Amino acid sequence: MAYTVDLAELLRRLADDVDKILHGAKPGDIRFIKTTTFQLLVNLKTANALGLTLPPALLARATR
């Protein structure tokens, strides 16, 4: 089970910031954006191999 961030979204934001800097913006003037979307991933194969029983509520919250 792991929480992840959307790497594609993170890279898009990074590219936007780099573009702003290359066009003259000061790095300190660029707005800091905090990630607000997360994914909960559950590896059922590994959980089963470890003999773990995961609560249905946890599995219901999982993205994958």
N, C-alpha and C. Protein backbone atom coordinates (compact mmCIF):
# COMPACT_ATOMS: atom_id res chain seq x y z
N MET A 1 0.85 -1.16 0.00
CA MET A 1 0.00 0.00 0.00
C MET A 1 0.90 1.23 0.00
N ALA A 2 0.57 2.19 -0.83
CA ALA A 2 1.40 3.38 -0.94
C ALA A 2 0.57 4.56 -1.40
N TYR A 3 0.99 5.73 -0.99
CA TYR A 3 0.40 6.96 -1.51
C TYR A 3 1.33 7.48 -2.59
N THR A 4 0.78 7.92 -3.69
CA THR A 4 1.61 8.42 -4.78
C THR A 4 1.10 9.79 -5.22
N VAL A 5 1.94 10.51 -5.92
CA VAL A 5 1.53 11.75 -6.56
C VAL A 5 1.51 11.52 -8.06
N ASP A 6 0.79 12.35 -8.76
CA ASP A 6 0.69 12.24 -10.21
C ASP A 6 1.96 12.83 -10.82
N LEU A 7 2.87 11.98 -11.25
CA LEU A 7 4.16 12.42 -11.78
C LEU A 7 3.97 13.28 -13.03
N ALA A 8 3.04 12.92 -13.89
CA ALA A 8 2.80 13.71 -15.10
C ALA A 8 2.39 15.14 -14.75
N GLU A 9 1.51 15.28 -13.78
CA GLU A 9 1.08 16.62 -13.34
C GLU A 9 2.25 17.39 -12.74
N LEU A 10 3.04 16.72 -11.94
CA LEU A 10 4.21 17.36 -11.33
C LEU A 10 5.18 17.86 -12.40
N LEU A 11 5.42 17.07 -13.42
CA LEU A 11 6.33 17.47 -14.50
C LEU A 11 5.76 18.62 -15.32
N ARG A 12 4.43 18.64 -15.53
CA ARG A 12 3.81 19.76 -16.24
C ARG A 12 4.01 21.06 -15.47
N ARG A 13 3.81 21.00 -14.16
CA ARG A 13 4.00 22.20 -13.32
C ARG A 13 5.45 22.65 -13.34
N LEU A 14 6.36 21.70 -13.29
CA LEU A 14 7.79 22.01 -13.34
C LEU A 14 8.13 22.69 -14.66
N ALA A 15 7.61 22.16 -15.77
CA ALA A 15 7.87 22.76 -17.08
C ALA A 15 7.33 24.18 -17.14
N ASP A 16 6.16 24.42 -16.58
CA ASP A 16 5.60 25.77 -16.55
C ASP A 16 6.51 26.72 -15.77
N ASP A 17 7.02 26.27 -14.63
CA ASP A 17 7.90 27.11 -13.82
C ASP A 17 9.21 27.41 -14.56
N VAL A 18 9.78 26.40 -15.21
CA VAL A 18 11.02 26.60 -15.96
C VAL A 18 10.77 27.60 -17.09
N ASP A 19 9.63 27.46 -17.78
CA ASP A 19 9.30 28.39 -18.86
C ASP A 19 9.21 29.83 -18.33
N LYS A 20 8.59 30.00 -17.18
CA LYS A 20 8.47 31.35 -16.60
C LYS A 20 9.85 31.92 -16.28
N ILE A 21 10.74 31.10 -15.73
CA ILE A 21 12.09 31.56 -15.39
C ILE A 21 12.86 31.92 -16.66
N LEU A 22 12.74 31.09 -17.69
CA LEU A 22 13.44 31.36 -18.95
C LEU A 22 12.92 32.63 -19.63
N HIS A 23 11.69 33.02 -19.30
CA HIS A 23 11.12 34.24 -19.86
C HIS A 23 11.25 35.42 -18.91
N GLY A 24 12.13 35.30 -17.90
CA GLY A 24 12.47 36.45 -17.07
C GLY A 24 11.88 36.51 -15.68
N ALA A 25 11.03 35.59 -15.30
CA ALA A 25 10.46 35.62 -13.96
C ALA A 25 11.53 35.27 -12.93
N LYS A 26 11.44 35.90 -11.76
CA LYS A 26 12.35 35.57 -10.67
C LYS A 26 11.80 34.31 -9.98
N PRO A 27 12.67 33.35 -9.68
CA PRO A 27 12.20 32.13 -9.03
C PRO A 27 11.41 32.40 -7.74
N GLY A 28 11.81 33.42 -6.99
CA GLY A 28 11.11 33.73 -5.75
C GLY A 28 9.71 34.28 -5.96
N ASP A 29 9.41 34.72 -7.18
CA ASP A 29 8.09 35.27 -7.48
C ASP A 29 7.10 34.22 -7.99
N ILE A 30 7.60 33.02 -8.25
CA ILE A 30 6.74 31.95 -8.76
C ILE A 30 5.98 31.33 -7.60
N ARG A 31 4.69 31.23 -7.77
CA ARG A 31 3.82 30.71 -6.72
C ARG A 31 4.10 29.24 -6.45
N PHE A 32 4.20 28.89 -5.17
CA PHE A 32 4.41 27.51 -4.76
C PHE A 32 3.06 26.80 -4.77
N ILE A 33 2.97 25.67 -5.45
CA ILE A 33 1.72 24.92 -5.53
C ILE A 33 1.89 23.62 -4.77
N LYS A 34 1.03 23.42 -3.79
CA LYS A 34 1.06 22.20 -2.99
C LYS A 34 0.18 21.14 -3.65
N THR A 35 0.67 19.93 -3.72
CA THR A 35 -0.10 18.84 -4.30
C THR A 35 -1.33 18.57 -3.46
N THR A 36 -2.46 18.45 -4.12
CA THR A 36 -3.71 18.21 -3.40
C THR A 36 -4.37 16.89 -3.79
N THR A 37 -3.84 16.24 -4.82
CA THR A 37 -4.43 14.97 -5.23
C THR A 37 -3.42 13.85 -4.98
N PHE A 38 -3.89 12.83 -4.34
CA PHE A 38 -3.07 11.66 -4.03
C PHE A 38 -3.82 10.41 -4.44
N GLN A 39 -3.08 9.36 -4.65
CA GLN A 39 -3.68 8.07 -4.97
C GLN A 39 -3.26 7.07 -3.91
N LEU A 40 -4.16 6.23 -3.49
CA LEU A 40 -3.86 5.14 -2.57
C LEU A 40 -3.78 3.86 -3.39
N LEU A 41 -2.61 3.26 -3.41
CA LEU A 41 -2.39 2.04 -4.18
C LEU A 41 -2.20 0.86 -3.23
N VAL A 42 -2.86 -0.23 -3.51
CA VAL A 42 -2.75 -1.43 -2.70
C VAL A 42 -2.27 -2.57 -3.59
N ASN A 43 -1.17 -3.19 -3.20
CA ASN A 43 -0.64 -4.34 -3.95
C ASN A 43 -1.22 -5.59 -3.30
N LEU A 44 -2.33 -6.07 -3.86
CA LEU A 44 -3.01 -7.22 -3.28
C LEU A 44 -2.17 -8.50 -3.37
N LYS A 45 -1.40 -8.63 -4.44
CA LYS A 45 -0.56 -9.82 -4.59
C LYS A 45 0.43 -9.91 -3.44
N THR A 46 1.09 -8.81 -3.11
CA THR A 46 2.05 -8.80 -2.01
C THR A 46 1.35 -8.96 -0.67
N ALA A 47 0.21 -8.29 -0.50
CA ALA A 47 -0.54 -8.42 0.76
C ALA A 47 -0.94 -9.88 0.99
N ASN A 48 -1.41 -10.53 -0.05
CA ASN A 48 -1.80 -11.95 0.07
C ASN A 48 -0.58 -12.82 0.36
N ALA A 49 0.55 -12.53 -0.29
CA ALA A 49 1.77 -13.31 -0.06
C ALA A 49 2.25 -13.18 1.38
N LEU A 50 2.00 -12.02 1.98
CA LEU A 50 2.39 -11.79 3.38
C LEU A 50 1.34 -12.28 4.36
N GLY A 51 0.22 -12.77 3.84
CA GLY A 51 -0.85 -13.28 4.70
C GLY A 51 -1.65 -12.17 5.36
N LEU A 52 -1.66 -11.01 4.76
CA LEU A 52 -2.39 -9.88 5.34
C LEU A 52 -3.83 -9.87 4.86
N THR A 53 -4.72 -9.51 5.76
CA THR A 53 -6.12 -9.31 5.41
C THR A 53 -6.40 -7.82 5.54
N LEU A 54 -6.74 -7.20 4.43
CA LEU A 54 -6.98 -5.76 4.43
C LEU A 54 -8.46 -5.48 4.64
N PRO A 55 -8.78 -4.50 5.45
CA PRO A 55 -10.18 -4.16 5.70
C PRO A 55 -10.87 -3.70 4.42
N PRO A 56 -12.12 -4.07 4.24
CA PRO A 56 -12.85 -3.64 3.05
C PRO A 56 -12.91 -2.13 2.89
N ALA A 57 -12.95 -1.39 4.00
CA ALA A 57 -13.00 0.06 3.92
C ALA A 57 -11.73 0.61 3.29
N LEU A 58 -10.59 0.00 3.60
CA LEU A 58 -9.32 0.43 3.01
C LEU A 58 -9.30 0.14 1.51
N LEU A 59 -9.77 -1.05 1.14
CA LEU A 59 -9.80 -1.42 -0.27
C LEU A 59 -10.76 -0.52 -1.05
N ALA A 60 -11.83 -0.11 -0.40
CA ALA A 60 -12.80 0.78 -1.07
C ALA A 60 -12.20 2.15 -1.34
N ARG A 61 -11.29 2.61 -0.49
CA ARG A 61 -10.64 3.91 -0.67
C ARG A 61 -9.51 3.87 -1.67
N ALA A 62 -9.02 2.69 -1.98
CA ALA A 62 -7.86 2.56 -2.87
C ALA A 62 -8.21 2.98 -4.29
N THR A 63 -7.28 3.67 -4.92
CA THR A 63 -7.45 4.07 -6.31
C THR A 63 -7.27 2.86 -7.22
N ARG A 64 -6.25 2.06 -6.90
CA ARG A 64 -6.01 0.81 -7.63
C ARG A 64 -5.52 -0.22 -6.64
